[in-house]
Amino acid sequence: MSIWFTRNLGDAMLAGESLDQIKSIFLSEYRKCEDPKDIALFVRHESEGRLHCEVKIYFSPASFFVAEAVGAIPCTKPSPHGLDLLAGSAESWTTLFPENGN
């Protein structure tokens, strides 16, 4: 499966609790994985020209089990520009974005 997922948490000032809940769900599942290098959550603050930014979480294709549990929707693969690894292996950068040379 190569479909990425995203969930918009809305205003960055109000997203903290939802962000923590999703990270907690992810980590409980992540610990069960034998080879977690392609299972990761990424986060980015996006403004799209608006005054306030929104927090968007991106779920790698292998983390679909968490994406579905939290109501994320399918999306295209995000650009690595401006992404931060929220949870998962540091190896996920090179595994999921090999074209970037990270």
N, C-alpha and C. Protein backbone atom coordinates (compact mmCIF):
# COMPACT_ATOMS: atom_id res chain seq x y z
N MET A 1 0.84 -1.17 0.00
CA MET A 1 0.00 0.00 0.00
C MET A 1 0.89 1.24 0.00
N SER A 2 0.59 2.19 -0.92
CA SER A 2 1.42 3.39 -1.00
C SER A 2 0.61 4.66 -0.81
N ILE A 3 -0.54 4.55 -0.19
CA ILE A 3 -1.39 5.71 0.03
C ILE A 3 -1.02 6.36 1.37
N TRP A 4 -0.76 7.63 1.31
CA TRP A 4 -0.53 8.41 2.52
C TRP A 4 -1.88 8.89 3.05
N PHE A 5 -1.90 9.30 4.31
CA PHE A 5 -3.11 9.82 4.93
C PHE A 5 -2.79 11.12 5.65
N THR A 6 -3.79 11.95 5.81
CA THR A 6 -3.60 13.21 6.53
C THR A 6 -4.81 13.49 7.41
N ARG A 7 -4.54 14.26 8.43
CA ARG A 7 -5.61 14.74 9.30
C ARG A 7 -5.28 16.16 9.67
N ASN A 8 -6.20 17.05 9.39
CA ASN A 8 -6.04 18.46 9.72
C ASN A 8 -6.56 18.66 11.14
N LEU A 9 -5.69 19.12 12.03
CA LEU A 9 -6.08 19.35 13.42
C LEU A 9 -6.53 20.78 13.67
N GLY A 10 -6.50 21.58 12.63
CA GLY A 10 -6.99 22.95 12.76
C GLY A 10 -5.95 23.90 13.35
N ASP A 11 -6.45 24.92 13.98
CA ASP A 11 -5.63 25.99 14.53
C ASP A 11 -4.52 25.43 15.42
N ALA A 12 -3.31 25.86 15.15
CA ALA A 12 -2.15 25.36 15.89
C ALA A 12 -2.25 25.65 17.39
N MET A 13 -2.92 26.72 17.76
CA MET A 13 -3.05 27.07 19.17
C MET A 13 -3.97 26.10 19.92
N LEU A 14 -4.81 25.37 19.19
CA LEU A 14 -5.79 24.49 19.82
C LEU A 14 -5.55 23.02 19.53
N ALA A 15 -4.48 22.70 18.81
CA ALA A 15 -4.27 21.34 18.33
C ALA A 15 -3.50 20.44 19.30
N GLY A 16 -2.96 20.96 20.35
CA GLY A 16 -2.08 20.21 21.25
C GLY A 16 -2.67 18.93 21.80
N GLU A 17 -3.89 18.98 22.30
CA GLU A 17 -4.50 17.80 22.90
C GLU A 17 -4.74 16.70 21.86
N SER A 18 -5.27 17.08 20.70
CA SER A 18 -5.49 16.10 19.63
C SER A 18 -4.18 15.50 19.16
N LEU A 19 -3.17 16.33 19.05
CA LEU A 19 -1.85 15.88 18.62
C LEU A 19 -1.30 14.84 19.60
N ASP A 20 -1.42 15.12 20.88
CA ASP A 20 -0.94 14.19 21.91
C ASP A 20 -1.72 12.87 21.88
N GLN A 21 -3.02 12.94 21.67
CA GLN A 21 -3.84 11.72 21.62
C GLN A 21 -3.45 10.84 20.44
N ILE A 22 -3.28 11.46 19.28
CA ILE A 22 -2.91 10.70 18.08
C ILE A 22 -1.53 10.09 18.25
N LYS A 23 -0.60 10.85 18.80
CA LYS A 23 0.75 10.33 19.03
C LYS A 23 0.71 9.15 19.99
N SER A 24 -0.09 9.23 21.02
CA SER A 24 -0.22 8.14 21.98
C SER A 24 -0.77 6.88 21.32
N ILE A 25 -1.80 7.01 20.51
CA ILE A 25 -2.37 5.86 19.79
C ILE A 25 -1.31 5.27 18.88
N PHE A 26 -0.61 6.14 18.16
CA PHE A 26 0.44 5.67 17.25
C PHE A 26 1.51 4.89 18.00
N LEU A 27 2.01 5.44 19.09
CA LEU A 27 3.10 4.79 19.82
C LEU A 27 2.70 3.44 20.40
N SER A 28 1.45 3.31 20.82
CA SER A 28 1.02 2.01 21.35
C SER A 28 1.02 0.94 20.26
N GLU A 29 0.69 1.34 19.04
CA GLU A 29 0.72 0.39 17.92
C GLU A 29 2.14 0.19 17.39
N TYR A 30 2.91 1.27 17.37
CA TYR A 30 4.28 1.25 16.85
C TYR A 30 5.14 0.25 17.62
N ARG A 31 4.95 0.19 18.91
CA ARG A 31 5.75 -0.72 19.74
C ARG A 31 5.52 -2.19 19.40
N LYS A 32 4.41 -2.50 18.77
CA LYS A 32 4.08 -3.88 18.39
C LYS A 32 4.73 -4.30 17.07
N CYS A 33 5.27 -3.36 16.32
CA CYS A 33 5.81 -3.64 14.99
C CYS A 33 7.22 -4.22 15.06
N GLU A 34 7.46 -5.19 14.20
CA GLU A 34 8.79 -5.82 14.18
C GLU A 34 9.80 -5.02 13.38
N ASP A 35 9.38 -4.40 12.29
CA ASP A 35 10.29 -3.63 11.44
C ASP A 35 9.66 -2.27 11.16
N PRO A 36 9.79 -1.34 12.10
CA PRO A 36 9.03 -0.09 12.03
C PRO A 36 9.65 1.04 11.19
N LYS A 37 10.64 0.76 10.36
CA LYS A 37 11.34 1.86 9.69
C LYS A 37 10.49 2.63 8.68
N ASP A 38 9.36 2.06 8.25
CA ASP A 38 8.51 2.79 7.31
C ASP A 38 7.19 3.23 7.94
N ILE A 39 7.11 3.14 9.25
CA ILE A 39 5.91 3.54 9.97
C ILE A 39 6.24 4.83 10.72
N ALA A 40 5.59 5.92 10.30
CA ALA A 40 5.94 7.20 10.90
C ALA A 40 4.79 8.19 10.82
N LEU A 41 4.81 9.13 11.73
CA LEU A 41 3.91 10.27 11.72
C LEU A 41 4.75 11.52 11.52
N PHE A 42 4.29 12.36 10.63
CA PHE A 42 4.96 13.63 10.38
C PHE A 42 3.96 14.74 10.64
N VAL A 43 4.45 15.89 10.98
CA VAL A 43 3.59 17.04 11.26
C VAL A 43 4.16 18.27 10.55
N ARG A 44 3.24 19.12 10.14
CA ARG A 44 3.67 20.37 9.51
C ARG A 44 2.64 21.45 9.84
N HIS A 45 3.12 22.65 10.07
CA HIS A 45 2.25 23.81 10.25
C HIS A 45 2.08 24.45 8.87
N GLU A 46 0.84 24.55 8.41
CA GLU A 46 0.57 25.07 7.08
C GLU A 46 -0.39 26.25 7.18
N SER A 47 -0.08 27.32 6.43
CA SER A 47 -0.94 28.49 6.48
C SER A 47 -1.72 28.70 5.19
N GLU A 48 -1.19 28.26 4.09
CA GLU A 48 -1.84 28.41 2.79
C GLU A 48 -2.34 29.83 2.58
N GLY A 49 -1.54 30.79 2.98
CA GLY A 49 -1.85 32.20 2.77
C GLY A 49 -2.77 32.82 3.81
N ARG A 50 -3.21 32.05 4.78
CA ARG A 50 -4.08 32.60 5.82
C ARG A 50 -3.24 33.17 6.96
N LEU A 51 -3.89 33.95 7.80
CA LEU A 51 -3.20 34.57 8.92
C LEU A 51 -2.73 33.53 9.94
N HIS A 52 -3.58 32.57 10.27
CA HIS A 52 -3.25 31.54 11.25
C HIS A 52 -2.91 30.23 10.55
N CYS A 53 -1.97 29.51 11.11
CA CYS A 53 -1.60 28.23 10.51
C CYS A 53 -2.42 27.10 11.13
N GLU A 54 -2.49 26.02 10.37
CA GLU A 54 -3.17 24.81 10.83
C GLU A 54 -2.13 23.72 10.97
N VAL A 55 -2.38 22.80 11.88
CA VAL A 55 -1.49 21.67 12.08
C VAL A 55 -2.04 20.49 11.28
N LYS A 56 -1.19 19.95 10.43
CA LYS A 56 -1.59 18.77 9.66
C LYS A 56 -0.64 17.63 10.00
N ILE A 57 -1.23 16.48 10.25
CA ILE A 57 -0.45 15.26 10.50
C ILE A 57 -0.50 14.42 9.24
N TYR A 58 0.65 13.87 8.87
CA TYR A 58 0.75 12.96 7.73
C TYR A 58 1.16 11.59 8.24
N PHE A 59 0.41 10.59 7.81
CA PHE A 59 0.63 9.20 8.21
C PHE A 59 1.25 8.47 7.04
N SER A 60 2.39 7.83 7.25
CA SER A 60 3.01 7.05 6.18
C SER A 60 2.07 5.91 5.78
N PRO A 61 2.23 5.38 4.57
CA PRO A 61 1.35 4.30 4.13
C PRO A 61 1.29 3.12 5.11
N ALA A 62 2.40 2.76 5.72
CA ALA A 62 2.42 1.62 6.64
C ALA A 62 1.74 1.91 7.97
N SER A 63 1.41 3.16 8.21
CA SER A 63 0.71 3.49 9.47
C SER A 63 -0.79 3.68 9.24
N PHE A 64 -1.30 3.06 8.20
CA PHE A 64 -2.72 3.18 7.86
C PHE A 64 -3.62 2.75 9.01
N PHE A 65 -3.16 1.80 9.82
CA PHE A 65 -3.97 1.30 10.93
C PHE A 65 -4.28 2.40 11.94
N VAL A 66 -3.35 3.32 12.14
CA VAL A 66 -3.59 4.45 13.04
C VAL A 66 -4.39 5.52 12.30
N ALA A 67 -4.06 5.74 11.04
CA ALA A 67 -4.78 6.75 10.26
C ALA A 67 -6.27 6.47 10.24
N GLU A 68 -6.63 5.22 10.01
CA GLU A 68 -8.04 4.86 9.99
C GLU A 68 -8.68 5.03 11.36
N ALA A 69 -7.95 4.70 12.40
CA ALA A 69 -8.49 4.79 13.76
C ALA A 69 -8.80 6.23 14.19
N VAL A 70 -8.08 7.19 13.61
CA VAL A 70 -8.28 8.59 14.01
C VAL A 70 -8.99 9.43 12.95
N GLY A 71 -9.52 8.77 11.93
CA GLY A 71 -10.31 9.47 10.92
C GLY A 71 -9.52 10.27 9.91
N ALA A 72 -8.27 9.87 9.66
CA ALA A 72 -7.48 10.55 8.63
C ALA A 72 -8.00 10.16 7.25
N ILE A 73 -7.72 11.00 6.28
CA ILE A 73 -8.19 10.75 4.92
C ILE A 73 -7.00 10.53 3.99
N PRO A 74 -7.20 9.79 2.90
CA PRO A 74 -6.11 9.57 1.94
C PRO A 74 -5.65 10.90 1.33
N CYS A 75 -4.36 10.95 1.03
CA CYS A 75 -3.79 12.14 0.40
C CYS A 75 -2.59 11.71 -0.45
N THR A 76 -2.06 12.65 -1.19
CA THR A 76 -0.84 12.38 -1.94
C THR A 76 0.34 12.44 -0.97
N LYS A 77 1.44 11.89 -1.39
CA LYS A 77 2.66 11.92 -0.58
C LYS A 77 3.06 13.37 -0.35
N PRO A 78 3.26 13.75 0.91
CA PRO A 78 3.62 15.14 1.18
C PRO A 78 5.06 15.44 0.76
N SER A 79 5.29 16.69 0.49
CA SER A 79 6.66 17.13 0.26
C SER A 79 7.38 17.08 1.61
N PRO A 80 8.63 16.65 1.63
CA PRO A 80 9.34 16.63 2.91
C PRO A 80 9.69 18.02 3.45
N HIS A 81 9.57 19.03 2.58
CA HIS A 81 9.89 20.41 2.99
C HIS A 81 8.98 20.86 4.13
N GLY A 82 9.57 21.20 5.25
CA GLY A 82 8.82 21.71 6.38
C GLY A 82 8.20 20.65 7.28
N LEU A 83 8.38 19.38 6.91
CA LEU A 83 7.85 18.30 7.76
C LEU A 83 8.75 18.06 8.95
N ASP A 84 8.15 17.69 10.05
CA ASP A 84 8.88 17.26 11.23
C ASP A 84 8.41 15.86 11.58
N LEU A 85 9.33 15.01 11.98
CA LEU A 85 8.98 13.68 12.43
C LEU A 85 8.34 13.80 13.81
N LEU A 86 7.09 13.41 13.91
CA LEU A 86 6.38 13.46 15.19
C LEU A 86 6.62 12.19 15.99
N ALA A 87 6.59 11.06 15.30
CA ALA A 87 6.80 9.77 15.97
C ALA A 87 7.19 8.74 14.92
N GLY A 88 8.06 7.83 15.34
CA GLY A 88 8.55 6.80 14.44
C GLY A 88 10.06 6.80 14.42
N SER A 89 10.60 5.92 13.63
CA SER A 89 12.05 5.76 13.53
C SER A 89 12.68 6.89 12.71
N ALA A 90 13.86 7.31 13.13
CA ALA A 90 14.60 8.31 12.35
C ALA A 90 14.93 7.77 10.95
N GLU A 91 15.00 6.44 10.84
CA GLU A 91 15.24 5.80 9.54
C GLU A 91 14.10 6.06 8.54
N SER A 92 12.95 6.43 9.05
CA SER A 92 11.81 6.64 8.16
C SER A 92 12.07 7.73 7.12
N TRP A 93 12.91 8.70 7.46
CA TRP A 93 13.22 9.75 6.47
C TRP A 93 13.82 9.16 5.21
N THR A 94 14.84 8.33 5.35
CA THR A 94 15.48 7.77 4.16
C THR A 94 14.64 6.69 3.51
N THR A 95 13.83 5.99 4.30
CA THR A 95 12.96 4.96 3.76
C THR A 95 11.81 5.58 2.97
N LEU A 96 11.20 6.62 3.51
CA LEU A 96 10.01 7.20 2.89
C LEU A 96 10.30 8.33 1.91
N PHE A 97 11.43 8.97 2.05
CA PHE A 97 11.81 10.06 1.16
C PHE A 97 13.22 9.84 0.60
N PRO A 98 13.45 8.72 -0.09
CA PRO A 98 14.80 8.42 -0.58
C PRO A 98 15.31 9.44 -1.59
N GLU A 99 14.41 10.08 -2.29
CA GLU A 99 14.78 11.07 -3.31
C GLU A 99 15.36 12.33 -2.68
N ASN A 100 15.16 12.50 -1.40
CA ASN A 100 15.62 13.69 -0.69
C ASN A 100 17.04 13.56 -0.17
N GLY A 101 17.54 12.34 -0.10
CA GLY A 101 18.89 12.12 0.38
C GLY A 101 19.09 12.41 1.85
N ASN A 102 18.04 12.36 2.65
CA ASN A 102 18.15 12.64 4.09
C ASN A 102 18.93 11.57 4.80
